[in-house]
Amino acid sequence: MKKLLVASLCLIALSACTKVDLPIPQPPVMAESLKITNSVGIKLQSPFVTTEVLMNVKLESAGSVTIKIFDISNRVVSKETVSVVAGDNILKVYTTALPQSAYRIALFDVNGKQLGITDFNKL
């Protein structure tokens, strides 16, 4: 009986020590249209949007930023505060509720300093 118990424990111990190879997650490949060469900035995937567009927000340090969309009269029509990490942050901007027109999208730090700005057209 002792031999059976020892053999069972040895098998359990051996199976518990078996190495399992898990796939290493690969970082997402950033589209060339979203790359920012400066250390801080904002860039849209396309200047022409319909319902949504990808945007790269690049910062030197992690924190909160505010993204504002302005209409052609320079009125804020959308505002959102998001947490970002240092480096590139790919965000999705939804534009379904906006009427067809030209817009400006800007990025601000917690002190209200503008970090980047770009234009887009809602089709």
C-alpha atoms as a PDB file:
ATOM      1  CA  MET A   1       0.000   0.000   0.000  1.00  0.00           C
ATOM      2  CA  LYS A   2       2.867   2.365   0.850  1.00  0.00           C
ATOM      3  CA  LYS A   3       4.515   1.637  -2.508  1.00  0.00           C
ATOM      4  CA  LEU A   4       1.294   2.515  -4.339  1.00  0.00           C
ATOM      5  CA  LEU A   5       0.931   5.745  -2.362  1.00  0.00           C
ATOM      6  CA  VAL A   6       4.567   6.754  -2.989  1.00  0.00           C
ATOM      7  CA  ALA A   7       4.261   5.937  -6.689  1.00  0.00           C
ATOM      8  CA  SER A   8       1.070   7.990  -6.946  1.00  0.00           C
ATOM      9  CA  LEU A   9       2.670  10.952  -5.202  1.00  0.00           C
ATOM     10  CA  CYS A  10       5.697  10.750  -7.495  1.00  0.00           C
ATOM     11  CA  LEU A  11       3.453  10.783 -10.579  1.00  0.00           C
ATOM     12  CA  ILE A  12       1.478  13.744  -9.244  1.00  0.00           C
ATOM     13  CA  ALA A  13       4.695  15.627  -8.452  1.00  0.00           C
ATOM     14  CA  LEU A  14       6.127  14.918 -11.902  1.00  0.00           C
ATOM     15  CA  SER A  15       2.965  16.022 -13.680  1.00  0.00           C
ATOM     16  CA  ALA A  16       2.797  19.197 -11.581  1.00  0.00           C
ATOM     17  CA  CYS A  17       6.319  20.143 -12.689  1.00  0.00           C
ATOM     18  CA  THR A  18       5.576  19.747 -16.384  1.00  0.00           C
ATOM     19  CA  LYS A  19       6.394  22.879 -18.349  1.00  0.00           C
ATOM     20  CA  VAL A  20       3.513  24.336 -20.313  1.00  0.00           C
ATOM     21  CA  ASP A  21       4.426  26.592 -23.214  1.00  0.00           C
ATOM     22  CA  LEU A  22       1.932  29.443 -23.435  1.00  0.00           C
ATOM     23  CA  PRO A  23       1.858  31.631 -26.512  1.00  0.00           C
ATOM     24  CA  ILE A  24       3.593  34.959 -25.982  1.00  0.00           C
ATOM     25  CA  PRO A  25       1.215  37.793 -26.833  1.00  0.00           C
ATOM     26  CA  GLN A  26       2.541  39.896 -29.663  1.00  0.00           C
ATOM     27  CA  PRO A  27       2.152  43.666 -29.483  1.00  0.00           C
ATOM     28  CA  PRO A  28      -0.395  44.945 -31.994  1.00  0.00           C
ATOM     29  CA  VAL A  29       1.074  46.222 -35.222  1.00  0.00           C
ATOM     30  CA  MET A  30       0.365  49.906 -35.585  1.00  0.00           C
ATOM     31  CA  ALA A  31      -0.871  51.065 -38.961  1.00  0.00           C
ATOM     32  CA  GLU A  32       1.534  53.391 -40.749  1.00  0.00           C
ATOM     33  CA  SER A  33      -1.234  55.993 -40.938  1.00  0.00           C
ATOM     34  CA  LEU A  34      -1.292  56.242 -37.110  1.00  0.00           C
ATOM     35  CA  LYS A  35       2.443  56.579 -36.422  1.00  0.00           C
ATOM     36  CA  ILE A  36       3.582  59.773 -34.716  1.00  0.00           C
ATOM     37  CA  THR A  37       7.259  60.760 -34.984  1.00  0.00           C
ATOM     38  CA  ASN A  38       7.150  63.426 -32.241  1.00  0.00           C
ATOM     39  CA  SER A  39       7.156  62.510 -28.533  1.00  0.00           C
ATOM     40  CA  VAL A  40       3.696  64.064 -28.020  1.00  0.00           C
ATOM     41  CA  GLY A  41       0.802  64.409 -30.429  1.00  0.00           C
ATOM     42  CA  ILE A  42      -2.495  63.305 -31.854  1.00  0.00           C
ATOM     43  CA  LYS A  43      -3.133  61.691 -35.235  1.00  0.00           C
ATOM     44  CA  LEU A  44      -6.272  60.359 -36.898  1.00  0.00           C
ATOM     45  CA  GLN A  45      -6.208  57.310 -39.152  1.00  0.00           C
ATOM     46  CA  SER A  46      -8.039  59.286 -41.832  1.00  0.00           C
ATOM     47  CA  PRO A  47      -9.211  62.901 -42.221  1.00  0.00           C
ATOM     48  CA  PHE A  48     -12.510  61.598 -43.650  1.00  0.00           C
ATOM     49  CA  VAL A  49     -14.796  59.726 -41.255  1.00  0.00           C
ATOM     50  CA  THR A  50     -18.311  58.335 -41.216  1.00  0.00           C
ATOM     51  CA  THR A  51     -19.226  56.616 -37.933  1.00  0.00           C
ATOM     52  CA  GLU A  52     -15.868  56.128 -36.204  1.00  0.00           C
ATOM     53  CA  VAL A  53     -12.142  56.637 -36.658  1.00  0.00           C
ATOM     54  CA  LEU A  54      -9.018  55.343 -34.940  1.00  0.00           C
ATOM     55  CA  MET A  55      -6.786  57.903 -33.305  1.00  0.00           C
ATOM     56  CA  ASN A  56      -3.274  57.682 -31.872  1.00  0.00           C
ATOM     57  CA  VAL A  57      -2.598  59.775 -28.782  1.00  0.00           C
ATOM     58  CA  LYS A  58       1.101  59.845 -27.919  1.00  0.00           C
ATOM     59  CA  LEU A  59       2.424  61.183 -24.618  1.00  0.00           C
ATOM     60  CA  GLU A  60       5.702  61.222 -22.733  1.00  0.00           C
ATOM     61  CA  SER A  61       4.094  60.123 -19.440  1.00  0.00           C
ATOM     62  CA  ALA A  62       0.965  58.323 -18.276  1.00  0.00           C
ATOM     63  CA  GLY A  63      -2.011  60.272 -16.986  1.00  0.00           C
ATOM     64  CA  SER A  64      -5.389  61.696 -17.882  1.00  0.00           C
ATOM     65  CA  VAL A  65      -6.033  63.718 -21.013  1.00  0.00           C
ATOM     66  CA  THR A  66      -9.136  65.416 -22.367  1.00  0.00           C
ATOM     67  CA  ILE A  67     -10.163  65.000 -25.984  1.00  0.00           C
ATOM     68  CA  LYS A  68     -12.393  67.761 -27.345  1.00  0.00           C
ATOM     69  CA  ILE A  69     -14.107  67.981 -30.718  1.00  0.00           C
ATOM     70  CA  PHE A  70     -14.876  71.488 -31.994  1.00  0.00           C
ATOM     71  CA  ASP A  71     -17.308  72.410 -34.774  1.00  0.00           C
ATOM     72  CA  ILE A  72     -16.588  75.047 -37.444  1.00  0.00           C
ATOM     73  CA  SER A  73     -17.838  77.767 -35.047  1.00  0.00           C
ATOM     74  CA  ASN A  74     -15.164  76.624 -32.555  1.00  0.00           C
ATOM     75  CA  ARG A  75     -17.796  75.342 -30.103  1.00  0.00           C
ATOM     76  CA  VAL A  76     -17.074  72.155 -28.166  1.00  0.00           C
ATOM     77  CA  VAL A  77     -19.485  69.481 -29.452  1.00  0.00           C
ATOM     78  CA  SER A  78     -17.869  66.517 -27.688  1.00  0.00           C
ATOM     79  CA  LYS A  79     -15.563  66.157 -24.703  1.00  0.00           C
ATOM     80  CA  GLU A  80     -14.112  63.073 -23.036  1.00  0.00           C
ATOM     81  CA  THR A  81     -11.401  62.515 -20.431  1.00  0.00           C
ATOM     82  CA  VAL A  82      -9.433  59.273 -20.738  1.00  0.00           C
ATOM     83  CA  SER A  83      -6.479  57.663 -18.975  1.00  0.00           C
ATOM     84  CA  VAL A  84      -3.483  56.966 -21.175  1.00  0.00           C
ATOM     85  CA  VAL A  85      -0.080  55.317 -20.820  1.00  0.00           C
ATOM     86  CA  ALA A  86       3.270  56.746 -21.846  1.00  0.00           C
ATOM     87  CA  GLY A  87       3.847  56.288 -25.568  1.00  0.00           C
ATOM     88  CA  ASP A  88       1.251  55.391 -28.181  1.00  0.00           C
ATOM     89  CA  ASN A  89      -2.417  54.943 -27.234  1.00  0.00           C
ATOM     90  CA  ILE A  90      -4.827  53.806 -29.950  1.00  0.00           C
ATOM     91  CA  LEU A  91      -8.336  55.104 -29.226  1.00  0.00           C
ATOM     92  CA  LYS A  92     -11.567  54.872 -31.166  1.00  0.00           C
ATOM     93  CA  VAL A  93     -13.529  58.094 -31.744  1.00  0.00           C
ATOM     94  CA  TYR A  94     -17.229  57.659 -32.478  1.00  0.00           C
ATOM     95  CA  THR A  95     -18.717  60.308 -34.756  1.00  0.00           C
ATOM     96  CA  THR A  96     -22.175  58.883 -35.497  1.00  0.00           C
ATOM     97  CA  ALA A  97     -23.977  61.661 -33.589  1.00  0.00           C
ATOM     98  CA  LEU A  98     -22.156  64.446 -35.424  1.00  0.00           C
ATOM     99  CA  PRO A  99     -23.793  66.036 -38.482  1.00  0.00           C
ATOM    100  CA  GLN A 100     -21.835  66.177 -41.736  1.00  0.00           C
ATOM    101  CA  SER A 101     -19.349  69.022 -41.434  1.00  0.00           C
ATOM    102  CA  ALA A 102     -15.712  69.901 -40.783  1.00  0.00           C
ATOM    103  CA  TYR A 103     -14.394  69.433 -37.240  1.00  0.00           C
ATOM    104  CA  ARG A 104     -11.252  69.937 -35.221  1.00  0.00           C
ATOM    105  CA  ILE A 105     -10.165  67.424 -32.574  1.00  0.00           C
ATOM    106  CA  ALA A 106      -7.723  68.495 -29.858  1.00  0.00           C
ATOM    107  CA  LEU A 107      -5.874  66.883 -26.969  1.00  0.00           C
ATOM    108  CA  PHE A 108      -5.397  68.655 -23.615  1.00  0.00           C
ATOM    109  CA  ASP A 109      -3.492  67.728 -20.449  1.00  0.00           C
ATOM    110  CA  VAL A 110      -4.975  67.996 -16.915  1.00  0.00           C
ATOM    111  CA  ASN A 111      -3.900  71.666 -16.732  1.00  0.00           C
ATOM    112  CA  GLY A 112      -5.760  72.548 -19.939  1.00  0.00           C
ATOM    113  CA  LYS A 113      -2.590  72.858 -22.036  1.00  0.00           C
ATOM    114  CA  GLN A 114      -3.154  71.850 -25.656  1.00  0.00           C
ATOM    115  CA  LEU A 115      -0.924  68.914 -26.620  1.00  0.00           C
ATOM    116  CA  GLY A 116      -2.072  68.418 -30.197  1.00  0.00           C
ATOM    117  CA  ILE A 117      -4.766  69.270 -32.687  1.00  0.00           C
ATOM    118  CA  THR A 118      -5.944  67.976 -36.067  1.00  0.00           C
ATOM    119  CA  ASP A 119      -8.906  68.368 -38.425  1.00  0.00           C
ATOM    120  CA  PHE A 120     -11.362  65.890 -39.903  1.00  0.00           C
ATOM    121  CA  ASN A 121     -14.452  65.887 -42.096  1.00  0.00           C
ATOM    122  CA  LYS A 122     -17.572  63.930 -41.154  1.00  0.00           C
ATOM    123  CA  LEU A 123     -19.064  62.472 -44.343  1.00  0.00           C
END
